[in-house]
Amino acid sequence: MAKRRKVGNLMALAVLSALVQRPMHPYEIARALTGWGKDQDMEIKWGSLYTVVRNMEKHGLIAEHESFREGRRPERTVYRITDEGRAEMVDWTRELVSTPMPETPRFRAGLSVLAALHPDEAATLLRRRLDLLEDTITTERDTLAQHTEQVPRLFLVESEYDLAMKEAEAAWIRGLLAEITSGVYPGLDGWRAFHETGELPVELIGLAEEKMSAD
């Protein structure tokens, strides 16, 4: 089970990963995280950065290092990571790496209502997704190979994971497409009939009613 964090926004973890390098003010933190591609690794809403930083300071994860002013610009506060912040970063990383948590991709949501589409249209759209996915896989595989020559693999492991997940999704879509287009997908006739007659198969009606009565 995931722990309740003092500052639960994943941006806090990103901020800690920046400040462990050296003290920075929020603008520097944002530039560093963007440069490292952290906005691709976790959901980061830049508009909430200053709010997250203030909450982290409030809970002792970071502390003011120094404040300075350049010309007429507003005063800038440089923050440093605290011992408590270092401990939180390590503990949070351990949890994320070791403990599976339910995540709901948009693709899963679409698949959950796939019956709303005619099988032929579903196959066309899945094929389109597969084409785009395969293009992305090719690009990411080439990019990863180039980076591997310059960057230690330890700092590319999340890119390896992304690539592996996309390859697994592509393989699954190929299998699903093969079943639909060959006509062996279970319940395909009833799925087609629903779109051609507007009537749900009897077995699906019974299943839905059984589920509703059970609830």
N, C-alpha and C. Protein backbone atom coordinates (compact mmCIF):
# COMPACT_ATOMS: atom_id res chain seq x y z
N MET A 1 0.84 -1.20 0.00
CA MET A 1 0.00 0.00 0.00
C MET A 1 0.87 1.25 0.00
N ALA A 2 0.47 2.22 -0.79
CA ALA A 2 1.25 3.46 -0.88
C ALA A 2 1.13 4.25 0.42
N LYS A 3 2.23 4.85 0.82
CA LYS A 3 2.23 5.65 2.03
C LYS A 3 1.57 7.00 1.76
N ARG A 4 1.03 7.58 2.82
CA ARG A 4 0.50 8.93 2.72
C ARG A 4 1.67 9.89 2.89
N ARG A 5 1.95 10.67 1.86
CA ARG A 5 3.10 11.58 1.87
C ARG A 5 2.69 12.96 2.38
N LYS A 6 3.64 13.62 3.04
CA LYS A 6 3.39 14.99 3.51
C LYS A 6 3.07 15.90 2.33
N VAL A 7 3.78 15.71 1.23
CA VAL A 7 3.48 16.40 -0.02
C VAL A 7 3.38 15.30 -1.09
N GLY A 8 2.16 14.92 -1.45
CA GLY A 8 1.95 13.75 -2.29
C GLY A 8 2.09 13.98 -3.78
N ASN A 9 2.18 15.22 -4.22
CA ASN A 9 2.34 15.53 -5.64
C ASN A 9 3.69 15.02 -6.13
N LEU A 10 3.69 14.24 -7.20
CA LEU A 10 4.96 13.69 -7.71
C LEU A 10 5.95 14.78 -8.11
N MET A 11 5.46 15.99 -8.33
CA MET A 11 6.38 17.08 -8.62
C MET A 11 7.36 17.28 -7.46
N ALA A 12 6.90 16.98 -6.24
CA ALA A 12 7.77 17.12 -5.07
C ALA A 12 8.98 16.19 -5.20
N LEU A 13 8.74 14.98 -5.69
CA LEU A 13 9.84 14.04 -5.88
C LEU A 13 10.81 14.56 -6.94
N ALA A 14 10.25 15.16 -8.00
CA ALA A 14 11.09 15.73 -9.04
C ALA A 14 11.93 16.87 -8.49
N VAL A 15 11.33 17.71 -7.66
CA VAL A 15 12.06 18.83 -7.05
C VAL A 15 13.20 18.30 -6.17
N LEU A 16 12.91 17.28 -5.39
CA LEU A 16 13.96 16.69 -4.55
C LEU A 16 15.10 16.14 -5.40
N SER A 17 14.76 15.53 -6.52
CA SER A 17 15.80 14.97 -7.39
C SER A 17 16.68 16.06 -7.99
N ALA A 18 16.13 17.27 -8.13
CA ALA A 18 16.93 18.40 -8.63
C ALA A 18 17.79 18.97 -7.52
N LEU A 19 17.20 19.17 -6.35
CA LEU A 19 17.93 19.81 -5.25
C LEU A 19 19.00 18.92 -4.66
N VAL A 20 18.92 17.61 -4.91
CA VAL A 20 19.98 16.74 -4.40
C VAL A 20 21.28 17.01 -5.14
N GLN A 21 21.16 17.63 -6.33
CA GLN A 21 22.36 18.00 -7.10
C GLN A 21 23.06 19.19 -6.46
N ARG A 22 22.26 20.24 -6.17
CA ARG A 22 22.78 21.47 -5.55
C ARG A 22 21.61 22.38 -5.22
N PRO A 23 21.79 23.38 -4.36
CA PRO A 23 20.72 24.33 -4.07
C PRO A 23 20.32 25.10 -5.33
N MET A 24 19.03 25.36 -5.49
CA MET A 24 18.52 26.07 -6.66
C MET A 24 17.30 26.89 -6.25
N HIS A 25 16.99 27.91 -7.05
CA HIS A 25 15.72 28.61 -6.87
C HIS A 25 14.72 27.96 -7.83
N PRO A 26 13.41 28.14 -7.63
CA PRO A 26 12.40 27.42 -8.43
C PRO A 26 12.58 27.53 -9.93
N TYR A 27 13.00 28.70 -10.43
CA TYR A 27 13.19 28.84 -11.87
C TYR A 27 14.28 27.90 -12.36
N GLU A 28 15.36 27.79 -11.59
CA GLU A 28 16.44 26.87 -11.95
C GLU A 28 15.96 25.43 -11.89
N ILE A 29 15.14 25.13 -10.89
CA ILE A 29 14.60 23.78 -10.75
C ILE A 29 13.80 23.41 -11.99
N ALA A 30 12.94 24.32 -12.45
CA ALA A 30 12.12 24.06 -13.63
C ALA A 30 12.99 23.83 -14.85
N ARG A 31 14.03 24.64 -15.02
CA ARG A 31 14.93 24.48 -16.17
C ARG A 31 15.66 23.15 -16.11
N ALA A 32 16.11 22.79 -14.91
CA ALA A 32 16.84 21.52 -14.76
C ALA A 32 15.94 20.33 -15.07
N LEU A 33 14.72 20.34 -14.53
CA LEU A 33 13.80 19.22 -14.74
C LEU A 33 13.42 19.09 -16.20
N THR A 34 13.22 20.23 -16.86
CA THR A 34 12.91 20.19 -18.29
C THR A 34 14.09 19.65 -19.08
N GLY A 35 15.28 20.11 -18.74
CA GLY A 35 16.48 19.65 -19.43
C GLY A 35 16.73 18.16 -19.27
N TRP A 36 16.39 17.64 -18.10
CA TRP A 36 16.58 16.20 -17.84
C TRP A 36 15.41 15.37 -18.35
N GLY A 37 14.36 16.02 -18.85
CA GLY A 37 13.21 15.28 -19.37
C GLY A 37 12.30 14.71 -18.30
N LYS A 38 12.39 15.27 -17.08
CA LYS A 38 11.56 14.74 -15.98
C LYS A 38 10.08 14.97 -16.23
N ASP A 39 9.74 15.97 -17.06
CA ASP A 39 8.33 16.21 -17.37
C ASP A 39 7.77 15.11 -18.26
N GLN A 40 8.63 14.25 -18.80
CA GLN A 40 8.18 13.10 -19.57
C GLN A 40 8.10 11.85 -18.70
N ASP A 41 8.77 11.89 -17.55
CA ASP A 41 8.81 10.73 -16.66
C ASP A 41 7.67 10.71 -15.66
N MET A 42 7.16 11.90 -15.31
CA MET A 42 6.09 12.00 -14.34
C MET A 42 5.23 13.21 -14.66
N GLU A 43 4.01 13.20 -14.15
CA GLU A 43 3.09 14.31 -14.44
C GLU A 43 3.56 15.55 -13.68
N ILE A 44 3.93 16.56 -14.42
CA ILE A 44 4.39 17.81 -13.82
C ILE A 44 3.54 18.96 -14.35
N LYS A 45 2.90 19.68 -13.44
CA LYS A 45 2.12 20.86 -13.80
C LYS A 45 2.91 22.08 -13.33
N TRP A 46 3.54 22.74 -14.28
CA TRP A 46 4.45 23.83 -13.93
C TRP A 46 3.75 24.94 -13.17
N GLY A 47 2.45 25.14 -13.40
CA GLY A 47 1.74 26.21 -12.71
C GLY A 47 1.66 26.00 -11.21
N SER A 48 1.87 24.77 -10.75
CA SER A 48 1.79 24.48 -9.31
C SER A 48 3.17 24.35 -8.66
N LEU A 49 4.23 24.65 -9.41
CA LEU A 49 5.59 24.47 -8.89
C LEU A 49 5.81 25.26 -7.60
N TYR A 50 5.47 26.54 -7.61
CA TYR A 50 5.74 27.37 -6.43
C TYR A 50 4.91 26.92 -5.23
N THR A 51 3.68 26.46 -5.48
CA THR A 51 2.85 25.95 -4.39
C THR A 51 3.46 24.70 -3.79
N VAL A 52 3.94 23.79 -4.65
CA VAL A 52 4.59 22.56 -4.18
C VAL A 52 5.84 22.90 -3.38
N VAL A 53 6.64 23.83 -3.88
CA VAL A 53 7.87 24.23 -3.18
C VAL A 53 7.54 24.79 -1.80
N ARG A 54 6.53 25.64 -1.71
CA ARG A 54 6.15 26.21 -0.40
C ARG A 54 5.69 25.11 0.55
N ASN A 55 4.92 24.15 0.05
CA ASN A 55 4.47 23.05 0.90
C ASN A 55 5.63 22.18 1.36
N MET A 56 6.60 21.99 0.47
CA MET A 56 7.77 21.19 0.85
C MET A 56 8.58 21.89 1.93
N GLU A 57 8.70 23.21 1.82
CA GLU A 57 9.41 23.97 2.86
C GLU A 57 8.65 23.89 4.18
N LYS A 58 7.33 24.02 4.09
CA LYS A 58 6.49 23.95 5.29
C LYS A 58 6.68 22.64 6.04
N HIS A 59 6.83 21.55 5.30
CA HIS A 59 6.96 20.23 5.93
C HIS A 59 8.42 19.81 6.14
N GLY A 60 9.35 20.72 5.92
CA GLY A 60 10.75 20.44 6.25
C GLY A 60 11.51 19.59 5.27
N LEU A 61 10.96 19.40 4.07
CA LEU A 61 11.66 18.59 3.07
C LEU A 61 12.76 19.40 2.38
N ILE A 62 12.56 20.71 2.31
CA ILE A 62 13.57 21.62 1.78
C ILE A 62 13.63 22.83 2.71
N ALA A 63 14.68 23.60 2.60
CA ALA A 63 14.83 24.78 3.44
C ALA A 63 15.49 25.89 2.65
N GLU A 64 15.29 27.12 3.09
CA GLU A 64 15.91 28.25 2.41
C GLU A 64 17.42 28.20 2.57
N HIS A 65 18.12 28.36 1.48
CA HIS A 65 19.58 28.36 1.47
C HIS A 65 20.10 29.80 1.48
N GLU A 66 19.49 30.61 0.61
CA GLU A 66 19.83 32.04 0.57
C GLU A 66 18.78 32.76 -0.27
N SER A 67 18.74 34.08 -0.13
CA SER A 67 17.87 34.92 -0.94
C SER A 67 18.71 36.00 -1.58
N PHE A 68 18.38 36.39 -2.81
CA PHE A 68 19.14 37.44 -3.48
C PHE A 68 18.24 38.16 -4.46
N ARG A 69 18.67 39.33 -4.87
CA ARG A 69 17.92 40.14 -5.82
C ARG A 69 18.87 40.60 -6.92
N GLU A 70 18.44 40.50 -8.17
CA GLU A 70 19.23 40.97 -9.30
C GLU A 70 18.53 42.17 -9.93
N GLY A 71 19.12 43.34 -9.78
CA GLY A 71 18.53 44.54 -10.35
C GLY A 71 17.13 44.79 -9.82
N ARG A 72 16.21 45.02 -10.73
CA ARG A 72 14.83 45.30 -10.34
C ARG A 72 13.96 44.05 -10.28
N ARG A 73 14.58 42.89 -10.49
CA ARG A 73 13.80 41.65 -10.45
C ARG A 73 13.37 41.35 -9.02
N PRO A 74 12.25 40.60 -8.88
CA PRO A 74 11.80 40.21 -7.54
C PRO A 74 12.88 39.37 -6.83
N GLU A 75 12.87 39.41 -5.54
CA GLU A 75 13.83 38.63 -4.76
C GLU A 75 13.63 37.14 -5.04
N ARG A 76 14.73 36.43 -5.19
CA ARG A 76 14.67 35.00 -5.44
C ARG A 76 15.21 34.23 -4.23
N THR A 77 14.50 33.17 -3.90
CA THR A 77 14.93 32.33 -2.79
C THR A 77 15.52 31.03 -3.33
N VAL A 78 16.71 30.73 -2.90
CA VAL A 78 17.37 29.49 -3.28
C VAL A 78 17.10 28.46 -2.18
N TYR A 79 16.70 27.26 -2.59
CA TYR A 79 16.38 26.21 -1.62
C TYR A 79 17.40 25.08 -1.67
N ARG A 80 17.54 24.42 -0.53
CA ARG A 80 18.40 23.24 -0.44
C ARG A 80 17.58 22.08 0.09
N ILE A 81 18.00 20.88 -0.20
CA ILE A 81 17.31 19.70 0.32
C ILE A 81 17.76 19.47 1.76
N THR A 82 16.85 19.05 2.62
CA THR A 82 17.18 18.76 4.01
C THR A 82 17.43 17.25 4.18
N ASP A 83 17.89 16.88 5.36
CA ASP A 83 18.08 15.44 5.63
C ASP A 83 16.75 14.71 5.53
N GLU A 84 15.69 15.36 6.02
CA GLU A 84 14.36 14.75 5.94
C GLU A 84 13.93 14.61 4.47
N GLY A 85 14.30 15.61 3.67
CA GLY A 85 13.98 15.55 2.25
C GLY A 85 14.71 14.43 1.54
N ARG A 86 15.97 14.23 1.88
CA ARG A 86 16.75 13.12 1.29
C ARG A 86 16.12 11.78 1.66
N ALA A 87 15.74 11.64 2.93
CA ALA A 87 15.13 10.39 3.38
C ALA A 87 13.80 10.15 2.66
N GLU A 88 13.02 11.24 2.46
CA GLU A 88 11.74 11.12 1.76
C GLU A 88 11.96 10.71 0.30
N MET A 89 12.95 11.29 -0.34
CA MET A 89 13.23 10.96 -1.74
C MET A 89 13.57 9.48 -1.89
N VAL A 90 14.44 8.98 -1.01
CA VAL A 90 14.85 7.58 -1.08
C VAL A 90 13.67 6.66 -0.78
N ASP A 91 12.89 6.97 0.26
CA ASP A 91 11.76 6.13 0.65
C ASP A 91 10.70 6.11 -0.44
N TRP A 92 10.44 7.26 -1.04
CA TRP A 92 9.43 7.38 -2.09
C TRP A 92 9.86 6.60 -3.33
N THR A 93 11.16 6.69 -3.67
CA THR A 93 11.68 5.94 -4.81
C THR A 93 11.56 4.44 -4.57
N ARG A 94 11.89 4.01 -3.35
CA ARG A 94 11.75 2.59 -3.01
C ARG A 94 10.32 2.12 -3.23
N GLU A 95 9.36 2.93 -2.78
CA GLU A 95 7.95 2.56 -2.93
C GLU A 95 7.54 2.46 -4.39
N LEU A 96 7.92 3.46 -5.18
CA LEU A 96 7.53 3.48 -6.60
C LEU A 96 8.12 2.31 -7.36
N VAL A 97 9.33 1.93 -7.02
CA VAL A 97 10.00 0.84 -7.73
C VAL A 97 9.47 -0.52 -7.29
N SER A 98 9.13 -0.66 -6.01
CA SER A 98 8.81 -1.99 -5.47
C SER A 98 7.33 -2.33 -5.42
N THR A 99 6.46 -1.31 -5.37
CA THR A 99 5.05 -1.58 -5.09
C THR A 99 4.15 -1.24 -6.28
N PRO A 100 3.55 -2.25 -6.91
CA PRO A 100 2.62 -1.98 -8.03
C PRO A 100 1.39 -1.22 -7.52
N MET A 101 0.99 -0.22 -8.29
CA MET A 101 -0.21 0.54 -7.96
C MET A 101 -1.10 0.59 -9.20
N PRO A 102 -2.43 0.57 -9.02
CA PRO A 102 -3.31 0.62 -10.19
C PRO A 102 -3.16 1.93 -10.94
N GLU A 103 -2.97 1.85 -12.24
CA GLU A 103 -2.89 3.02 -13.10
C GLU A 103 -3.85 2.78 -14.27
N THR A 104 -4.55 3.80 -14.68
CA THR A 104 -5.58 3.64 -15.72
C THR A 104 -5.21 4.44 -16.96
N PRO A 105 -4.57 3.80 -17.94
CA PRO A 105 -4.24 4.49 -19.19
C PRO A 105 -5.50 4.83 -19.99
N ARG A 106 -5.43 5.87 -20.82
CA ARG A 106 -6.56 6.25 -21.66
C ARG A 106 -6.94 5.13 -22.63
N PHE A 107 -5.95 4.37 -23.10
CA PHE A 107 -6.23 3.28 -24.02
C PHE A 107 -7.14 2.24 -23.37
N ARG A 108 -6.89 1.97 -22.09
CA ARG A 108 -7.73 1.00 -21.38
C ARG A 108 -9.17 1.48 -21.31
N ALA A 109 -9.35 2.78 -21.09
CA ALA A 109 -10.71 3.34 -21.05
C ALA A 109 -11.40 3.14 -22.39
N GLY A 110 -10.67 3.35 -23.49
CA GLY A 110 -11.25 3.15 -24.81
C GLY A 110 -11.60 1.70 -25.06
N LEU A 111 -10.72 0.79 -24.65
CA LEU A 111 -10.99 -0.64 -24.83
C LEU A 111 -12.21 -1.08 -24.04
N SER A 112 -12.45 -0.43 -22.89
CA SER A 112 -13.57 -0.84 -22.04
C SER A 112 -14.92 -0.58 -22.71
N VAL A 113 -14.94 0.30 -23.71
CA VAL A 113 -16.19 0.58 -24.43
C VAL A 113 -16.02 0.29 -25.93
N LEU A 114 -15.13 -0.64 -26.26
CA LEU A 114 -14.86 -0.97 -27.65
C LEU A 114 -16.11 -1.45 -28.38
N ALA A 115 -17.03 -2.04 -27.64
CA ALA A 115 -18.27 -2.56 -28.26
C ALA A 115 -19.11 -1.45 -28.88
N ALA A 116 -18.83 -0.19 -28.53
CA ALA A 116 -19.58 0.93 -29.12
C ALA A 116 -19.24 1.10 -30.60
N LEU A 117 -18.14 0.50 -31.05
CA LEU A 117 -17.72 0.60 -32.44
C LEU A 117 -18.05 -0.68 -33.19
N HIS A 118 -18.34 -0.58 -34.47
CA HIS A 118 -18.50 -1.77 -35.30
C HIS A 118 -17.14 -2.47 -35.37
N PRO A 119 -17.11 -3.80 -35.38
CA PRO A 119 -15.84 -4.52 -35.42
C PRO A 119 -14.91 -4.05 -36.54
N ASP A 120 -15.47 -3.75 -37.71
CA ASP A 120 -14.64 -3.31 -38.83
C ASP A 120 -13.98 -1.96 -38.52
N GLU A 121 -14.76 -1.04 -37.91
CA GLU A 121 -14.19 0.25 -37.55
C GLU A 121 -13.16 0.09 -36.43
N ALA A 122 -13.46 -0.77 -35.48
CA ALA A 122 -12.52 -1.02 -34.38
C ALA A 122 -11.19 -1.52 -34.93
N ALA A 123 -11.26 -2.44 -35.90
CA ALA A 123 -10.04 -2.98 -36.50
C ALA A 123 -9.27 -1.89 -37.23
N THR A 124 -9.97 -1.02 -37.94
CA THR A 124 -9.32 0.08 -38.67
C THR A 124 -8.60 1.01 -37.70
N LEU A 125 -9.26 1.34 -36.61
CA LEU A 125 -8.67 2.26 -35.63
C LEU A 125 -7.51 1.62 -34.88
N LEU A 126 -7.64 0.35 -34.57
CA LEU A 126 -6.55 -0.36 -33.91
C LEU A 126 -5.32 -0.46 -34.83
N ARG A 127 -5.59 -0.66 -36.11
CA ARG A 127 -4.49 -0.72 -37.08
C ARG A 127 -3.80 0.65 -37.18
N ARG A 128 -4.60 1.71 -37.12
CA ARG A 128 -4.04 3.06 -37.15
C ARG A 128 -3.17 3.30 -35.92
N ARG A 129 -3.67 2.87 -34.77
CA ARG A 129 -2.89 3.02 -33.54
C ARG A 129 -1.59 2.22 -33.63
N LEU A 130 -1.69 1.01 -34.18
CA LEU A 130 -0.51 0.16 -34.30
C LEU A 130 0.53 0.80 -35.21
N ASP A 131 0.10 1.39 -36.32
CA ASP A 131 1.03 2.05 -37.23
C ASP A 131 1.77 3.19 -36.52
N LEU A 132 1.02 4.02 -35.78
CA LEU A 132 1.63 5.13 -35.05
C LEU A 132 2.58 4.62 -33.97
N LEU A 133 2.14 3.55 -33.31
CA LEU A 133 2.95 2.96 -32.24
C LEU A 133 4.26 2.41 -32.80
N GLU A 134 4.18 1.73 -33.94
CA GLU A 134 5.39 1.16 -34.54
C GLU A 134 6.36 2.25 -35.00
N ASP A 135 5.83 3.37 -35.50
CA ASP A 135 6.69 4.50 -35.87
C ASP A 135 7.41 5.04 -34.63
N THR A 136 6.66 5.18 -33.54
CA THR A 136 7.23 5.68 -32.28
C THR A 136 8.29 4.73 -31.76
N ILE A 137 8.00 3.43 -31.83
CA ILE A 137 8.96 2.43 -31.35
C ILE A 137 10.26 2.52 -32.13
N THR A 138 10.16 2.64 -33.45
CA THR A 138 11.36 2.75 -34.28
C THR A 138 12.19 3.97 -33.90
N THR A 139 11.50 5.11 -33.73
CA THR A 139 12.19 6.35 -33.37
C THR A 139 12.84 6.23 -31.99
N GLU A 140 12.09 5.73 -31.02
CA GLU A 140 12.62 5.63 -29.66
C GLU A 140 13.76 4.62 -29.58
N ARG A 141 13.66 3.54 -30.35
CA ARG A 141 14.73 2.54 -30.35
C ARG A 141 16.03 3.15 -30.89
N ASP A 142 15.91 3.92 -31.97
CA ASP A 142 17.09 4.58 -32.55
C ASP A 142 17.67 5.62 -31.59
N THR A 143 16.79 6.41 -30.98
CA THR A 143 17.24 7.43 -30.04
C THR A 143 17.93 6.82 -28.84
N LEU A 144 17.35 5.74 -28.33
CA LEU A 144 17.94 5.06 -27.17
C LEU A 144 19.31 4.51 -27.51
N ALA A 145 19.44 3.95 -28.71
CA ALA A 145 20.74 3.40 -29.14
C ALA A 145 21.80 4.50 -29.21
N GLN A 146 21.41 5.68 -29.69
CA GLN A 146 22.35 6.80 -29.77
C GLN A 146 22.75 7.29 -28.39
N HIS A 147 21.76 7.39 -27.49
CA HIS A 147 22.04 7.88 -26.14
C HIS A 147 22.90 6.91 -25.35
N THR A 148 22.71 5.61 -25.62
CA THR A 148 23.47 4.60 -24.90
C THR A 148 24.97 4.76 -25.11
N GLU A 149 25.34 5.33 -26.23
CA GLU A 149 26.75 5.54 -26.51
C GLU A 149 27.34 6.70 -25.71
N GLN A 150 26.46 7.57 -25.17
CA GLN A 150 26.94 8.76 -24.48
C GLN A 150 26.54 8.83 -23.01
N VAL A 151 25.43 8.18 -22.67
CA VAL A 151 24.88 8.29 -21.32
C VAL A 151 24.91 6.93 -20.63
N PRO A 152 25.31 6.86 -19.35
CA PRO A 152 25.28 5.59 -18.63
C PRO A 152 23.89 4.98 -18.65
N ARG A 153 23.81 3.68 -18.80
CA ARG A 153 22.51 3.01 -18.93
C ARG A 153 21.60 3.28 -17.74
N LEU A 154 22.20 3.46 -16.55
CA LEU A 154 21.41 3.73 -15.35
C LEU A 154 20.48 4.91 -15.52
N PHE A 155 20.90 5.90 -16.32
CA PHE A 155 20.10 7.10 -16.51
C PHE A 155 19.19 7.01 -17.73
N LEU A 156 19.09 5.82 -18.31
CA LEU A 156 18.21 5.60 -19.45
C LEU A 156 17.19 4.50 -19.16
N VAL A 157 17.21 3.98 -17.93
CA VAL A 157 16.39 2.81 -17.62
C VAL A 157 14.90 3.10 -17.80
N GLU A 158 14.46 4.35 -17.51
CA GLU A 158 13.04 4.67 -17.69
C GLU A 158 12.67 4.68 -19.17
N SER A 159 13.63 5.05 -20.04
CA SER A 159 13.38 5.02 -21.48
C SER A 159 13.29 3.57 -21.98
N GLU A 160 14.12 2.70 -21.40
CA GLU A 160 14.03 1.27 -21.74
C GLU A 160 12.65 0.72 -21.37
N TYR A 161 12.17 1.14 -20.19
CA TYR A 161 10.85 0.68 -19.74
C TYR A 161 9.76 1.16 -20.69
N ASP A 162 9.80 2.45 -21.06
CA ASP A 162 8.81 2.99 -21.99
C ASP A 162 8.79 2.20 -23.30
N LEU A 163 9.96 1.91 -23.82
CA LEU A 163 10.07 1.18 -25.07
C LEU A 163 9.50 -0.23 -24.93
N ALA A 164 9.83 -0.88 -23.83
CA ALA A 164 9.34 -2.25 -23.59
C ALA A 164 7.81 -2.27 -23.49
N MET A 165 7.23 -1.27 -22.83
CA MET A 165 5.78 -1.21 -22.69
C MET A 165 5.12 -0.98 -24.05
N LYS A 166 5.70 -0.12 -24.86
CA LYS A 166 5.14 0.13 -26.20
C LYS A 166 5.25 -1.11 -27.07
N GLU A 167 6.37 -1.83 -26.98
CA GLU A 167 6.54 -3.06 -27.76
C GLU A 167 5.53 -4.12 -27.33
N ALA A 168 5.29 -4.20 -26.00
CA ALA A 168 4.30 -5.17 -25.50
C ALA A 168 2.89 -4.80 -25.98
N GLU A 169 2.57 -3.51 -25.95
CA GLU A 169 1.25 -3.07 -26.42
C GLU A 169 1.08 -3.37 -27.90
N ALA A 170 2.13 -3.10 -28.68
CA ALA A 170 2.06 -3.36 -30.12
C ALA A 170 1.83 -4.85 -30.39
N ALA A 171 2.52 -5.70 -29.66
CA ALA A 171 2.36 -7.15 -29.84
C ALA A 171 0.94 -7.58 -29.49
N TRP A 172 0.39 -7.00 -28.43
CA TRP A 172 -0.98 -7.35 -28.02
C TRP A 172 -1.99 -6.89 -29.06
N ILE A 173 -1.82 -5.69 -29.59
CA ILE A 173 -2.74 -5.18 -30.60
C ILE A 173 -2.69 -6.04 -31.86
N ARG A 174 -1.48 -6.48 -32.25
CA ARG A 174 -1.37 -7.35 -33.43
C ARG A 174 -2.19 -8.63 -33.22
N GLY A 175 -2.10 -9.20 -32.02
CA GLY A 175 -2.85 -10.41 -31.73
C GLY A 175 -4.35 -10.18 -31.77
N LEU A 176 -4.80 -9.05 -31.18
CA LEU A 176 -6.22 -8.73 -31.18
C LEU A 176 -6.73 -8.51 -32.60
N LEU A 177 -5.95 -7.78 -33.39
CA LEU A 177 -6.33 -7.53 -34.79
C LEU A 177 -6.44 -8.83 -35.57
N ALA A 178 -5.51 -9.73 -35.34
CA ALA A 178 -5.53 -11.01 -36.05
C ALA A 178 -6.80 -11.78 -35.74
N GLU A 179 -7.23 -11.75 -34.47
CA GLU A 179 -8.45 -12.46 -34.09
C GLU A 179 -9.69 -11.82 -34.72
N ILE A 180 -9.75 -10.49 -34.70
CA ILE A 180 -10.93 -9.79 -35.24
C ILE A 180 -11.03 -9.98 -36.75
N THR A 181 -9.91 -9.78 -37.45
CA THR A 181 -9.94 -9.83 -38.92
C THR A 181 -10.09 -11.25 -39.46
N SER A 182 -9.64 -12.23 -38.69
CA SER A 182 -9.78 -13.62 -39.14
C SER A 182 -11.14 -14.20 -38.78
N GLY A 183 -11.88 -13.49 -37.91
CA GLY A 183 -13.21 -13.96 -37.54
C GLY A 183 -13.25 -14.92 -36.38
N VAL A 184 -12.11 -15.15 -35.70
CA VAL A 184 -12.11 -16.12 -34.60
C VAL A 184 -12.31 -15.47 -33.24
N TYR A 185 -12.44 -14.15 -33.21
CA TYR A 185 -12.62 -13.47 -31.91
C TYR A 185 -13.94 -13.92 -31.29
N PRO A 186 -13.94 -14.37 -30.03
CA PRO A 186 -15.18 -14.86 -29.39
C PRO A 186 -16.27 -13.78 -29.35
N GLY A 187 -17.49 -14.14 -29.74
CA GLY A 187 -18.62 -13.21 -29.70
C GLY A 187 -18.65 -12.22 -30.84
N LEU A 188 -17.80 -12.44 -31.85
CA LEU A 188 -17.71 -11.47 -32.96
C LEU A 188 -19.04 -11.35 -33.71
N ASP A 189 -19.73 -12.46 -33.91
CA ASP A 189 -21.00 -12.42 -34.63
C ASP A 189 -22.03 -11.57 -33.89
N GLY A 190 -22.09 -11.72 -32.57
CA GLY A 190 -23.03 -10.94 -31.78
C GLY A 190 -22.66 -9.46 -31.78
N TRP A 191 -21.36 -9.19 -31.77
CA TRP A 191 -20.87 -7.80 -31.83
C TRP A 191 -21.31 -7.14 -33.14
N ARG A 192 -21.13 -7.89 -34.24
CA ARG A 192 -21.54 -7.36 -35.55
C ARG A 192 -23.06 -7.17 -35.60
N ALA A 193 -23.77 -8.16 -35.10
CA ALA A 193 -25.23 -8.12 -35.16
C ALA A 193 -25.78 -6.91 -34.39
N PHE A 194 -25.15 -6.57 -33.29
CA PHE A 194 -25.61 -5.44 -32.50
C PHE A 194 -25.57 -4.15 -33.32
N HIS A 195 -24.49 -3.98 -34.10
CA HIS A 195 -24.36 -2.76 -34.90
C HIS A 195 -25.22 -2.80 -36.16
N GLU A 196 -25.58 -3.98 -36.60
CA GLU A 196 -26.39 -4.09 -37.81
C GLU A 196 -27.88 -4.12 -37.52
N THR A 197 -28.26 -4.58 -36.30
CA THR A 197 -29.69 -4.67 -35.96
C THR A 197 -30.07 -3.77 -34.79
N GLY A 198 -29.07 -3.33 -34.02
CA GLY A 198 -29.35 -2.51 -32.85
C GLY A 198 -29.78 -3.31 -31.64
N GLU A 199 -29.73 -4.65 -31.75
CA GLU A 199 -30.16 -5.50 -30.65
C GLU A 199 -28.96 -6.18 -30.00
N LEU A 200 -28.90 -6.08 -28.68
CA LEU A 200 -27.83 -6.74 -27.95
C LEU A 200 -28.04 -8.26 -27.96
N PRO A 201 -26.94 -9.04 -28.04
CA PRO A 201 -27.08 -10.49 -27.94
C PRO A 201 -27.73 -10.87 -26.61
N VAL A 202 -28.53 -11.91 -26.61
CA VAL A 202 -29.26 -12.34 -25.42
C VAL A 202 -28.32 -12.58 -24.25
N GLU A 203 -27.18 -13.20 -24.53
CA GLU A 203 -26.27 -13.52 -23.43
C GLU A 203 -25.71 -12.26 -22.76
N LEU A 204 -25.52 -11.19 -23.54
CA LEU A 204 -25.02 -9.95 -22.96
C LEU A 204 -26.09 -9.26 -22.12
N ILE A 205 -27.35 -9.31 -22.60
CA ILE A 205 -28.45 -8.74 -21.83
C ILE A 205 -28.57 -9.45 -20.49
N GLY A 206 -28.50 -10.78 -20.53
CA GLY A 206 -28.60 -11.56 -19.30
C GLY A 206 -27.45 -11.25 -18.35
N LEU A 207 -26.25 -11.10 -18.89
CA LEU A 207 -25.08 -10.81 -18.06
C LEU A 207 -25.23 -9.45 -17.39
N ALA A 208 -25.71 -8.44 -18.15
CA ALA A 208 -25.88 -7.10 -17.60
C ALA A 208 -26.93 -7.08 -16.50
N GLU A 209 -28.04 -7.76 -16.72
CA GLU A 209 -29.10 -7.79 -15.72
C GLU A 209 -28.65 -8.53 -14.47
N GLU A 210 -27.90 -9.59 -14.68
CA GLU A 210 -27.38 -10.36 -13.53
C GLU A 210 -26.45 -9.50 -12.70
N LYS A 211 -25.61 -8.71 -13.36
CA LYS A 211 -24.66 -7.86 -12.68
C LYS A 211 -25.40 -6.78 -11.88
N MET A 212 -26.43 -6.17 -12.50
CA MET A 212 -27.17 -5.10 -11.83
C MET A 212 -27.92 -5.63 -10.62
N SER A 213 -28.48 -6.82 -10.73
CA SER A 213 -29.21 -7.38 -9.59
C SER A 213 -28.27 -7.77 -8.47
N ALA A 214 -27.05 -8.19 -8.84
CA ALA A 214 -26.06 -8.54 -7.82
C ALA A 214 -25.60 -7.31 -7.05
N ASP A 215 -25.50 -6.16 -7.76
CA ASP A 215 -25.09 -4.91 -7.10
C ASP A 215 -26.20 -4.39 -6.19
